[in-house]
Protein backbone atom coordinates (compact mmCIF):
# COMPACT_ATOMS: atom_id res chain seq x y z
CA MET A 1 40.15 -61.62 86.52
CA ILE A 2 40.56 -57.85 86.82
CA ILE A 3 37.33 -56.25 85.63
CA LEU A 4 37.82 -53.09 83.56
CA GLY A 5 41.49 -53.00 84.55
CA SER A 6 40.96 -51.65 88.09
CA SER A 7 43.31 -52.91 90.78
CA PHE A 8 45.43 -51.77 93.70
CA GLU A 9 49.22 -51.90 93.75
CA ASP A 10 49.14 -55.25 95.60
CA GLY A 11 47.11 -56.77 92.77
CA SER A 12 43.75 -56.85 94.56
CA VAL A 13 40.69 -55.61 92.69
CA ASP A 14 39.50 -52.04 93.34
CA TYR A 15 35.80 -52.84 93.33
CA ALA A 16 34.78 -49.23 93.99
CA GLN A 17 36.46 -48.10 90.79
CA VAL A 18 35.02 -51.07 88.91
CA GLU A 19 31.54 -49.97 89.96
CA ASN A 20 32.30 -46.36 89.02
CA LYS A 21 33.39 -47.46 85.55
CA LEU A 22 30.30 -49.58 85.07
CA LEU A 23 28.11 -46.63 86.09
CA LEU A 24 29.81 -44.38 83.54
CA LEU A 25 29.55 -47.00 80.79
CA TYR A 26 25.87 -47.46 81.60
CA LEU A 27 25.27 -43.69 81.51
CA VAL A 28 27.07 -43.15 78.20
CA GLU A 29 25.38 -46.15 76.59
CA LYS A 30 21.87 -45.17 77.74
CA MET A 31 22.22 -41.50 76.81
CA ASP A 32 23.19 -42.59 73.26
CA ILE A 33 24.57 -39.11 72.56
CA PRO A 34 28.27 -38.20 72.90
CA LEU A 35 28.68 -36.75 76.40
CA SER A 36 31.10 -33.98 77.27
CA THR A 37 33.44 -34.16 80.23
CA GLY A 38 31.37 -31.52 82.00
CA GLN A 39 28.11 -33.40 81.47
CA ILE A 40 29.60 -36.60 82.88
CA HIS A 41 31.00 -34.78 85.90
CA GLN A 42 27.65 -33.06 86.45
CA PHE A 43 25.90 -36.43 86.62
CA VAL A 44 28.54 -37.86 88.95
CA LEU A 45 28.39 -34.91 91.35
CA GLU A 46 24.57 -34.74 91.37
CA GLU A 47 23.67 -38.41 91.42
CA THR A 48 26.58 -40.34 92.99
CA SER A 49 29.09 -40.09 95.83
CA THR A 50 32.06 -40.42 93.46
CA HIS A 51 34.69 -37.70 93.74
CA TYR A 52 35.76 -35.58 90.78
CA PHE A 53 39.28 -37.01 90.56
CA ASP A 54 38.04 -40.61 90.80
CA CYS A 55 35.65 -39.91 87.94
CA GLN A 56 38.41 -38.37 85.84
CA GLN A 57 40.69 -41.33 86.55
CA CYS A 58 37.96 -43.72 85.43
CA LEU A 59 37.51 -41.83 82.17
CA CYS A 60 41.25 -41.80 81.46
CA GLU A 61 41.66 -45.51 82.20
CA MET A 62 38.65 -46.51 80.10
CA LEU A 63 40.00 -44.48 77.19
CA GLU A 64 43.36 -46.19 77.49
CA ASP A 65 41.75 -49.64 77.71
CA GLY A 66 39.40 -49.03 74.78
CA TYR A 67 36.04 -49.06 76.58
CA LEU A 68 35.37 -45.44 75.62
CA GLU A 69 36.55 -43.27 72.77
CA ALA A 70 36.91 -39.49 72.80
CA THR A 71 36.50 -36.86 70.10
CA VAL A 72 37.16 -33.13 70.36
CA GLU A 73 34.44 -30.92 68.88
CA ASN A 74 34.28 -27.17 69.33
CA ASN A 75 36.87 -27.28 72.14
CA LYS A 76 34.87 -29.96 74.00
CA THR A 77 35.95 -33.53 74.60
CA ARG A 78 33.01 -35.89 74.11
CA TYR A 79 32.85 -39.57 75.01
CA THR A 80 31.11 -42.48 73.31
CA ILE A 81 31.10 -46.17 74.23
CA THR A 82 33.03 -48.60 72.02
CA ASP A 83 32.07 -52.11 70.96
CA ILE A 84 34.32 -53.48 73.69
CA GLY A 85 32.60 -51.21 76.19
CA ILE A 86 29.15 -52.41 75.09
CA THR A 87 30.19 -56.07 75.35
CA THR A 88 31.67 -55.50 78.79
CA LEU A 89 28.57 -53.66 79.97
CA GLU A 90 26.27 -56.42 78.74
CA TYR A 91 28.33 -58.97 80.65
CA PHE A 92 28.58 -57.05 83.94
CA GLU A 93 25.43 -54.87 83.87
CA LYS A 94 23.72 -56.92 86.57
CA ARG A 95 26.51 -55.96 88.97
CA ILE A 96 25.04 -52.45 88.98
CA PRO A 97 22.32 -52.41 91.66
CA LEU A 98 18.82 -52.08 90.20
CA PHE A 99 18.04 -48.87 92.10
CA ILE A 100 21.16 -47.24 90.63
CA ARG A 101 20.22 -48.36 87.11
CA ASN A 102 16.76 -46.92 87.65
CA LYS A 103 18.29 -43.66 88.88
CA ILE A 104 20.47 -43.43 85.77
CA ASN A 105 17.51 -44.27 83.51
CA LYS A 106 15.49 -41.47 85.11
CA TYR A 107 18.40 -39.03 84.76
CA VAL A 108 18.71 -39.91 81.06
CA HIS A 109 14.94 -39.51 80.56
CA ASP A 110 14.93 -36.10 82.31
CA ASN A 111 18.08 -34.68 80.69
CA ARG A 112 18.46 -36.23 77.24
CA LYS A 113 16.71 -33.39 75.43
CA TYR A 114 19.09 -30.86 76.99
CA VAL A 115 22.13 -32.97 76.17
CA LYS A 116 20.88 -33.38 72.60
CA ARG A 117 20.34 -29.64 72.20
CA ASP A 118 23.83 -28.93 73.54
CA TYR A 119 25.33 -31.50 71.18
CA GLU A 120 23.49 -30.10 68.16
CA THR A 121 24.22 -26.45 68.99
CA THR A 122 27.57 -24.69 68.65
CA ALA A 123 28.50 -21.14 69.58
CA ASN A 124 32.10 -19.99 69.77
CA TYR A 125 34.07 -16.79 69.32
CA PHE A 126 37.68 -15.80 68.84
CA LYS A 127 39.61 -12.55 68.55
CA ASP A 128 41.10 -11.43 65.26
CA ILE A 129 44.66 -10.42 66.13
CA LEU A 130 44.96 -8.09 63.13
CA THR A 131 41.74 -6.10 63.55
CA GLY A 132 41.00 -6.56 67.26
CA ASP A 133 37.41 -7.52 66.40
CA TYR A 134 35.72 -10.74 67.50
CA THR A 135 34.41 -13.37 65.11
CA VAL A 136 31.39 -15.32 66.34
CA LYS A 137 30.42 -18.68 64.83
CA CYS A 138 26.98 -20.08 65.65
CA GLY A 139 25.63 -23.33 64.26
CA VAL A 140 22.92 -25.93 64.65
CA TYR A 141 23.23 -29.56 63.55
CA ASP A 142 21.00 -32.57 63.11
CA ASP A 143 23.10 -35.68 63.82
CA VAL A 144 26.01 -35.13 61.39
CA ALA A 145 24.31 -32.68 59.00
CA MET A 146 24.78 -28.93 59.41
CA LEU A 147 21.41 -27.17 59.31
CA MET A 148 22.62 -23.60 59.72
CA GLU A 149 25.86 -21.75 60.43
CA ILE A 150 26.16 -18.01 61.02
CA ASN A 151 29.39 -15.99 61.15
CA LEU A 152 29.34 -12.52 62.69
CA THR A 153 31.95 -9.89 63.45
CA VAL A 154 31.50 -7.71 66.54
CA VAL A 155 33.71 -5.12 68.18
CA SER A 156 33.71 -6.31 71.79
CA ARG A 157 34.19 -9.52 73.74
CA ASP A 158 31.01 -8.85 75.74
CA HIS A 159 28.96 -8.70 72.55
CA ALA A 160 30.51 -11.96 71.37
CA LYS A 161 29.75 -13.69 74.68
CA ASN A 162 26.15 -12.42 74.67
CA ILE A 163 25.57 -13.65 71.12
CA CYS A 164 26.89 -17.11 72.01
CA GLU A 165 24.79 -17.29 75.16
CA ASN A 166 21.62 -16.10 73.41
CA TRP A 167 22.17 -18.54 70.54
CA ARG A 168 22.53 -21.52 72.89
CA THR A 169 19.50 -20.46 74.95
CA ASN A 170 17.15 -19.56 72.08
CA VAL A 171 18.50 -21.63 69.20
CA THR A 172 15.17 -23.25 68.30
CA LYS A 173 13.33 -19.91 68.15
CA LEU A 174 16.17 -18.13 66.31
CA TYR A 175 16.66 -20.93 63.79
CA GLY A 176 12.94 -21.03 62.98
CA SER A 177 12.70 -17.25 62.70
CA ILE A 178 15.75 -16.89 60.44
CA LEU A 179 14.69 -19.79 58.22
CA ASN A 180 11.13 -18.50 57.92
CA ASN A 181 12.29 -15.01 56.94
CA LEU A 182 14.73 -16.39 54.38
CA VAL A 183 12.32 -18.74 52.61
CA ILE A 184 9.29 -16.45 52.47
CA SER A 185 8.78 -14.86 49.06
CA GLU A 186 8.20 -11.16 48.45
CA ASN A 187 4.66 -11.86 47.24
CA GLU A 188 3.83 -13.80 50.40
CA ASP A 189 5.24 -10.96 52.47
CA ASN A 190 3.14 -8.42 50.60
CA GLU A 191 0.03 -10.58 51.01
CA LYS A 192 0.61 -10.67 54.76
CA GLU A 193 1.00 -6.89 54.88
CA ASP A 194 -2.21 -6.43 52.84
CA ALA A 195 -4.06 -8.78 55.16
CA LEU A 196 -2.85 -6.87 58.22
CA LEU A 197 -3.81 -3.56 56.61
CA HIS A 198 -7.27 -4.94 55.82
CA LEU A 199 -7.70 -6.02 59.43
CA GLU A 200 -6.64 -2.59 60.67
CA ILE A 201 -9.06 -0.83 58.32
CA SER A 202 -11.91 -3.17 59.30
CA SER A 203 -11.15 -2.52 62.95
CA ILE A 204 -11.24 1.26 62.40
CA ASP A 205 -14.55 1.03 60.47
CA LYS A 206 -16.18 -1.00 63.27
CA ASN A 207 -15.00 1.47 65.89
CA ALA A 208 -16.42 4.32 63.89
CA ILE A 209 -19.91 2.79 63.77
């Protein structure tokens, strides 16, 4: 039986590629968040001895054979494991050495929050051909629900790139700040200003004594 469809031209099984495919299935299944091509390659380059082109070949073959499925979101291809992939992994998981499974589990534990933030955060820009300006779209999502989306127009590509970079880096802080300023009422704002003024006056009075 040819496992995961990996074989040489003479019909013999390419066990190295079989192991590579099992590693990728295990990673995608354990991360439980759609992984981009770049994130998969980053893991492969940092944690395994698999070459870039071998990794890419594995991804292509597993897509063709139905073990993975791909979706394109915000110009990124993301991979998720299919039911066939899960069944195959359950059957052959023990073929992955325990120390490698532990390494992948640790990688998932250490990096899942960053992968999740990347998945839930979008920041893209494009040039308006008619005006020459740049439109920037920034968003943050929770699973499939959109929590916030902001559209801006700026005059330069550098400004657009900086906005995208700052949004991705500080999305939690920016989202909280924007939301807080939008939901606060005028009365609450005035009460805060009065409280600050009272503190300033009290401070001046104490210094004067």
